[in-house]
Amino acid sequence: MNFNKLKKKWGVKSNFQLVLIFIIFGITGSASVKLGSPFLSFFNINKEIFLNIYLGEYLYTILRIIIIFPLYQVLLLIFSAVFFQFKFFWNIEKKILKKIGFKRFF
């Protein structure tokens, strides 16, 4: 992939900033998967609940994705602030929120 095209598309000024963005995406993805189980456990949602349900494993996985998605978004903003890239990621978040129906808030 041509990183110059990506830098231009995202409005990134330096290779260092691009590396930081990749690091933030990586850390956020790993953290959201790692924190997903304790987060679901807090709400008493675990695989055992779905064992007696037809296609229960699939339902659990879908529910897990639906619940972890907002967690990922929040963690993305937190990690972006830690690495001083909040403005970049906040603009991405606004685009995502507009696409999923929160257009009137932005």
N, C-alpha and C. Protein backbone atom coordinates (compact mmCIF):
# COMPACT_ATOMS: atom_id res chain seq x y z
N MET A 1 0.85 -1.19 0.00
CA MET A 1 0.00 0.00 0.00
C MET A 1 0.88 1.24 0.00
N ASN A 2 0.45 2.24 -0.71
CA ASN A 2 1.19 3.48 -0.78
C ASN A 2 0.80 4.36 0.41
N PHE A 3 1.75 4.55 1.32
CA PHE A 3 1.45 5.30 2.54
C PHE A 3 1.26 6.79 2.26
N ASN A 4 1.82 7.29 1.20
CA ASN A 4 1.61 8.70 0.86
C ASN A 4 0.16 8.97 0.51
N LYS A 5 -0.48 8.03 -0.19
CA LYS A 5 -1.91 8.18 -0.50
C LYS A 5 -2.73 8.17 0.79
N LEU A 6 -2.37 7.29 1.70
CA LEU A 6 -3.08 7.20 2.97
C LEU A 6 -2.88 8.47 3.78
N LYS A 7 -1.67 8.97 3.81
CA LYS A 7 -1.40 10.22 4.53
C LYS A 7 -2.21 11.37 3.95
N LYS A 8 -2.29 11.42 2.63
CA LYS A 8 -3.05 12.49 1.98
C LYS A 8 -4.54 12.35 2.28
N LYS A 9 -5.05 11.13 2.19
CA LYS A 9 -6.48 10.88 2.44
C LYS A 9 -6.87 11.26 3.87
N TRP A 10 -6.02 10.90 4.82
CA TRP A 10 -6.31 11.17 6.23
C TRP A 10 -5.87 12.56 6.68
N GLY A 11 -5.11 13.25 5.86
CA GLY A 11 -4.62 14.57 6.25
C GLY A 11 -3.51 14.50 7.27
N VAL A 12 -2.73 13.44 7.20
CA VAL A 12 -1.63 13.23 8.13
C VAL A 12 -0.38 13.91 7.58
N LYS A 13 0.34 14.58 8.45
CA LYS A 13 1.48 15.38 8.00
C LYS A 13 2.80 14.61 7.97
N SER A 14 2.98 13.66 8.86
CA SER A 14 4.29 13.01 8.96
C SER A 14 4.15 11.49 9.07
N ASN A 15 5.24 10.82 8.79
CA ASN A 15 5.28 9.36 8.97
C ASN A 15 5.13 8.99 10.44
N PHE A 16 5.69 9.81 11.31
CA PHE A 16 5.58 9.56 12.75
C PHE A 16 4.13 9.57 13.20
N GLN A 17 3.36 10.53 12.72
CA GLN A 17 1.94 10.59 13.07
C GLN A 17 1.21 9.37 12.53
N LEU A 18 1.57 8.94 11.33
CA LEU A 18 0.95 7.74 10.75
C LEU A 18 1.25 6.51 11.59
N VAL A 19 2.48 6.40 12.06
CA VAL A 19 2.86 5.28 12.94
C VAL A 19 2.06 5.34 14.23
N LEU A 20 1.92 6.52 14.80
CA LEU A 20 1.12 6.67 16.03
C LEU A 20 -0.32 6.22 15.80
N ILE A 21 -0.88 6.58 14.67
CA ILE A 21 -2.26 6.19 14.35
C ILE A 21 -2.39 4.67 14.28
N PHE A 22 -1.43 4.02 13.62
CA PHE A 22 -1.46 2.56 13.54
C PHE A 22 -1.31 1.93 14.93
N ILE A 23 -0.44 2.51 15.75
CA ILE A 23 -0.26 1.99 17.12
C ILE A 23 -1.55 2.14 17.92
N ILE A 24 -2.20 3.28 17.79
CA ILE A 24 -3.46 3.51 18.52
C ILE A 24 -4.53 2.52 18.08
N PHE A 25 -4.65 2.29 16.76
CA PHE A 25 -5.62 1.30 16.29
C PHE A 25 -5.30 -0.09 16.86
N GLY A 26 -4.03 -0.45 16.87
CA GLY A 26 -3.63 -1.76 17.38
C GLY A 26 -3.91 -1.93 18.87
N ILE A 27 -3.52 -0.93 19.65
CA ILE A 27 -3.74 -0.99 21.10
C ILE A 27 -5.23 -1.02 21.40
N THR A 28 -6.00 -0.20 20.71
CA THR A 28 -7.44 -0.14 20.96
C THR A 28 -8.12 -1.47 20.62
N GLY A 29 -7.76 -2.05 19.50
CA GLY A 29 -8.35 -3.34 19.13
C GLY A 29 -8.03 -4.42 20.15
N SER A 30 -6.77 -4.49 20.55
CA SER A 30 -6.36 -5.49 21.54
C SER A 30 -7.04 -5.26 22.88
N ALA A 31 -7.09 -4.01 23.30
CA ALA A 31 -7.69 -3.69 24.60
C ALA A 31 -9.19 -3.97 24.60
N SER A 32 -9.87 -3.67 23.51
CA SER A 32 -11.32 -3.91 23.48
C SER A 32 -11.63 -5.39 23.53
N VAL A 33 -10.82 -6.21 22.87
CA VAL A 33 -11.03 -7.66 22.92
C VAL A 33 -10.71 -8.17 24.33
N LYS A 34 -9.64 -7.67 24.91
CA LYS A 34 -9.23 -8.12 26.25
C LYS A 34 -10.25 -7.68 27.31
N LEU A 35 -10.77 -6.48 27.19
CA LEU A 35 -11.72 -5.96 28.18
C LEU A 35 -13.16 -6.38 27.90
N GLY A 36 -13.39 -6.98 26.75
CA GLY A 36 -14.74 -7.38 26.37
C GLY A 36 -15.36 -8.37 27.34
N SER A 37 -14.61 -9.41 27.70
CA SER A 37 -15.16 -10.42 28.62
C SER A 37 -15.49 -9.87 29.99
N PRO A 38 -14.58 -9.12 30.65
CA PRO A 38 -14.96 -8.54 31.94
C PRO A 38 -16.14 -7.57 31.83
N PHE A 39 -16.19 -6.84 30.73
CA PHE A 39 -17.29 -5.90 30.51
C PHE A 39 -18.61 -6.65 30.42
N LEU A 40 -18.63 -7.74 29.65
CA LEU A 40 -19.84 -8.55 29.53
C LEU A 40 -20.17 -9.25 30.85
N SER A 41 -19.15 -9.70 31.57
CA SER A 41 -19.37 -10.35 32.86
C SER A 41 -20.00 -9.39 33.86
N PHE A 42 -19.65 -8.13 33.77
CA PHE A 42 -20.25 -7.12 34.65
C PHE A 42 -21.76 -7.09 34.48
N PHE A 43 -22.24 -7.33 33.28
CA PHE A 43 -23.67 -7.36 33.00
C PHE A 43 -24.23 -8.78 33.04
N ASN A 44 -23.47 -9.71 33.60
CA ASN A 44 -23.86 -11.12 33.72
C ASN A 44 -24.21 -11.76 32.36
N ILE A 45 -23.43 -11.42 31.36
CA ILE A 45 -23.62 -12.02 30.03
C ILE A 45 -22.42 -12.92 29.76
N ASN A 46 -22.70 -14.21 29.64
CA ASN A 46 -21.62 -15.16 29.33
C ASN A 46 -22.17 -16.26 28.42
N LYS A 47 -21.25 -17.07 27.91
CA LYS A 47 -21.64 -18.11 26.94
C LYS A 47 -22.62 -19.12 27.52
N GLU A 48 -22.51 -19.41 28.80
CA GLU A 48 -23.35 -20.43 29.43
C GLU A 48 -24.83 -20.09 29.32
N ILE A 49 -25.15 -18.81 29.32
CA ILE A 49 -26.55 -18.40 29.21
C ILE A 49 -27.14 -18.85 27.87
N PHE A 50 -26.31 -18.91 26.85
CA PHE A 50 -26.78 -19.18 25.49
C PHE A 50 -26.64 -20.64 25.08
N LEU A 51 -26.17 -21.50 25.99
CA LEU A 51 -25.93 -22.89 25.62
C LEU A 51 -27.20 -23.64 25.25
N ASN A 52 -28.30 -23.35 25.90
CA ASN A 52 -29.54 -24.08 25.65
C ASN A 52 -30.41 -23.45 24.58
N ILE A 53 -29.90 -22.45 23.92
CA ILE A 53 -30.65 -21.75 22.88
C ILE A 53 -30.14 -22.21 21.52
N TYR A 54 -31.07 -22.42 20.59
CA TYR A 54 -30.70 -22.79 19.23
C TYR A 54 -29.82 -21.69 18.64
N LEU A 55 -28.68 -22.07 18.10
CA LEU A 55 -27.69 -21.14 17.57
C LEU A 55 -27.21 -20.15 18.63
N GLY A 56 -27.17 -20.59 19.86
CA GLY A 56 -26.79 -19.75 20.98
C GLY A 56 -25.40 -19.16 20.88
N GLU A 57 -24.44 -19.96 20.36
CA GLU A 57 -23.07 -19.46 20.22
C GLU A 57 -23.04 -18.27 19.26
N TYR A 58 -23.81 -18.36 18.19
CA TYR A 58 -23.84 -17.27 17.22
C TYR A 58 -24.51 -16.03 17.82
N LEU A 59 -25.59 -16.25 18.55
CA LEU A 59 -26.26 -15.13 19.20
C LEU A 59 -25.35 -14.44 20.20
N TYR A 60 -24.59 -15.25 20.96
CA TYR A 60 -23.64 -14.68 21.92
C TYR A 60 -22.58 -13.85 21.20
N THR A 61 -22.07 -14.38 20.10
CA THR A 61 -21.04 -13.66 19.35
C THR A 61 -21.58 -12.35 18.78
N ILE A 62 -22.79 -12.38 18.26
CA ILE A 62 -23.40 -11.15 17.73
C ILE A 62 -23.61 -10.14 18.84
N LEU A 63 -24.12 -10.60 19.98
CA LEU A 63 -24.33 -9.71 21.12
C LEU A 63 -23.01 -9.13 21.61
N ARG A 64 -21.99 -9.96 21.64
CA ARG A 64 -20.66 -9.51 22.06
C ARG A 64 -20.15 -8.40 21.14
N ILE A 65 -20.32 -8.57 19.85
CA ILE A 65 -19.88 -7.54 18.89
C ILE A 65 -20.67 -6.26 19.09
N ILE A 66 -21.98 -6.39 19.28
CA ILE A 66 -22.82 -5.20 19.46
C ILE A 66 -22.44 -4.45 20.72
N ILE A 67 -22.11 -5.16 21.77
CA ILE A 67 -21.76 -4.51 23.03
C ILE A 67 -20.33 -3.97 23.01
N ILE A 68 -19.42 -4.69 22.36
CA ILE A 68 -18.03 -4.26 22.35
C ILE A 68 -17.80 -3.08 21.41
N PHE A 69 -18.63 -2.91 20.39
CA PHE A 69 -18.46 -1.80 19.46
C PHE A 69 -18.39 -0.44 20.17
N PRO A 70 -19.34 -0.10 21.05
CA PRO A 70 -19.22 1.20 21.75
C PRO A 70 -17.99 1.25 22.67
N LEU A 71 -17.64 0.12 23.27
CA LEU A 71 -16.45 0.07 24.11
C LEU A 71 -15.21 0.41 23.28
N TYR A 72 -15.13 -0.14 22.08
CA TYR A 72 -14.02 0.15 21.18
C TYR A 72 -13.95 1.64 20.86
N GLN A 73 -15.10 2.24 20.58
CA GLN A 73 -15.13 3.65 20.22
C GLN A 73 -14.63 4.53 21.37
N VAL A 74 -15.05 4.21 22.58
CA VAL A 74 -14.62 4.98 23.75
C VAL A 74 -13.13 4.79 23.98
N LEU A 75 -12.66 3.54 23.91
CA LEU A 75 -11.23 3.28 24.09
C LEU A 75 -10.40 3.97 23.02
N LEU A 76 -10.91 4.03 21.81
CA LEU A 76 -10.20 4.70 20.72
C LEU A 76 -9.95 6.16 21.07
N LEU A 77 -10.96 6.82 21.60
CA LEU A 77 -10.79 8.22 21.99
C LEU A 77 -9.85 8.38 23.17
N ILE A 78 -9.92 7.46 24.12
CA ILE A 78 -9.03 7.53 25.28
C ILE A 78 -7.58 7.35 24.85
N PHE A 79 -7.29 6.31 24.08
CA PHE A 79 -5.91 6.08 23.65
C PHE A 79 -5.43 7.18 22.71
N SER A 80 -6.32 7.73 21.90
CA SER A 80 -5.90 8.82 21.02
C SER A 80 -5.52 10.05 21.83
N ALA A 81 -6.21 10.30 22.92
CA ALA A 81 -5.85 11.43 23.78
C ALA A 81 -4.49 11.19 24.45
N VAL A 82 -4.24 9.96 24.87
CA VAL A 82 -2.95 9.63 25.50
C VAL A 82 -1.79 9.88 24.54
N PHE A 83 -2.01 9.58 23.25
CA PHE A 83 -0.96 9.76 22.24
C PHE A 83 -1.08 11.09 21.48
N PHE A 84 -1.89 12.01 22.00
CA PHE A 84 -2.06 13.35 21.43
C PHE A 84 -2.55 13.32 19.98
N GLN A 85 -3.42 12.39 19.67
CA GLN A 85 -4.01 12.29 18.33
C GLN A 85 -5.52 12.39 18.40
N PHE A 86 -6.04 13.02 19.46
CA PHE A 86 -7.48 13.08 19.69
C PHE A 86 -8.22 13.74 18.54
N LYS A 87 -7.70 14.83 18.02
CA LYS A 87 -8.38 15.57 16.96
C LYS A 87 -8.60 14.67 15.74
N PHE A 88 -7.58 13.94 15.35
CA PHE A 88 -7.69 13.04 14.20
C PHE A 88 -8.77 12.00 14.43
N PHE A 89 -8.74 11.33 15.59
CA PHE A 89 -9.69 10.26 15.86
C PHE A 89 -11.09 10.79 16.15
N TRP A 90 -11.20 11.98 16.70
CA TRP A 90 -12.52 12.55 16.92
C TRP A 90 -13.21 12.82 15.58
N ASN A 91 -12.45 13.27 14.60
CA ASN A 91 -13.02 13.46 13.26
C ASN A 91 -13.49 12.14 12.66
N ILE A 92 -12.74 11.08 12.86
CA ILE A 92 -13.17 9.75 12.40
C ILE A 92 -14.44 9.31 13.13
N GLU A 93 -14.47 9.53 14.44
CA GLU A 93 -15.65 9.15 15.23
C GLU A 93 -16.89 9.89 14.74
N LYS A 94 -16.76 11.16 14.45
CA LYS A 94 -17.90 11.93 13.97
C LYS A 94 -18.42 11.36 12.65
N LYS A 95 -17.51 10.97 11.76
CA LYS A 95 -17.93 10.36 10.50
C LYS A 95 -18.69 9.07 10.74
N ILE A 96 -18.17 8.24 11.65
CA ILE A 96 -18.83 6.97 11.97
C ILE A 96 -20.21 7.22 12.57
N LEU A 97 -20.29 8.13 13.52
CA LEU A 97 -21.57 8.42 14.17
C LEU A 97 -22.59 8.98 13.18
N LYS A 98 -22.13 9.79 12.25
CA LYS A 98 -23.04 10.30 11.22
C LYS A 98 -23.58 9.17 10.36
N LYS A 99 -22.71 8.23 10.01
CA LYS A 99 -23.13 7.12 9.15
C LYS A 99 -24.11 6.17 9.83
N ILE A 100 -24.04 6.07 11.17
CA ILE A 100 -24.95 5.15 11.85
C ILE A 100 -26.18 5.85 12.39
N GLY A 101 -26.38 7.13 12.02
CA GLY A 101 -27.66 7.77 12.33
C GLY A 101 -27.64 8.88 13.33
N PHE A 102 -26.48 9.34 13.77
CA PHE A 102 -26.41 10.44 14.73
C PHE A 102 -26.02 11.74 14.04
N LYS A 103 -26.45 11.92 12.81
CA LYS A 103 -26.06 13.07 11.98
C LYS A 103 -26.51 14.40 12.62
N ARG A 104 -27.66 14.39 13.23
CA ARG A 104 -28.20 15.65 13.79
C ARG A 104 -27.37 16.20 14.94
N PHE A 105 -26.51 15.38 15.54
CA PHE A 105 -25.69 15.86 16.66
C PHE A 105 -24.41 16.53 16.20
N PHE A 106 -24.09 16.43 14.90
CA PHE A 106 -22.81 17.00 14.42
C PHE A 106 -23.05 17.93 13.27
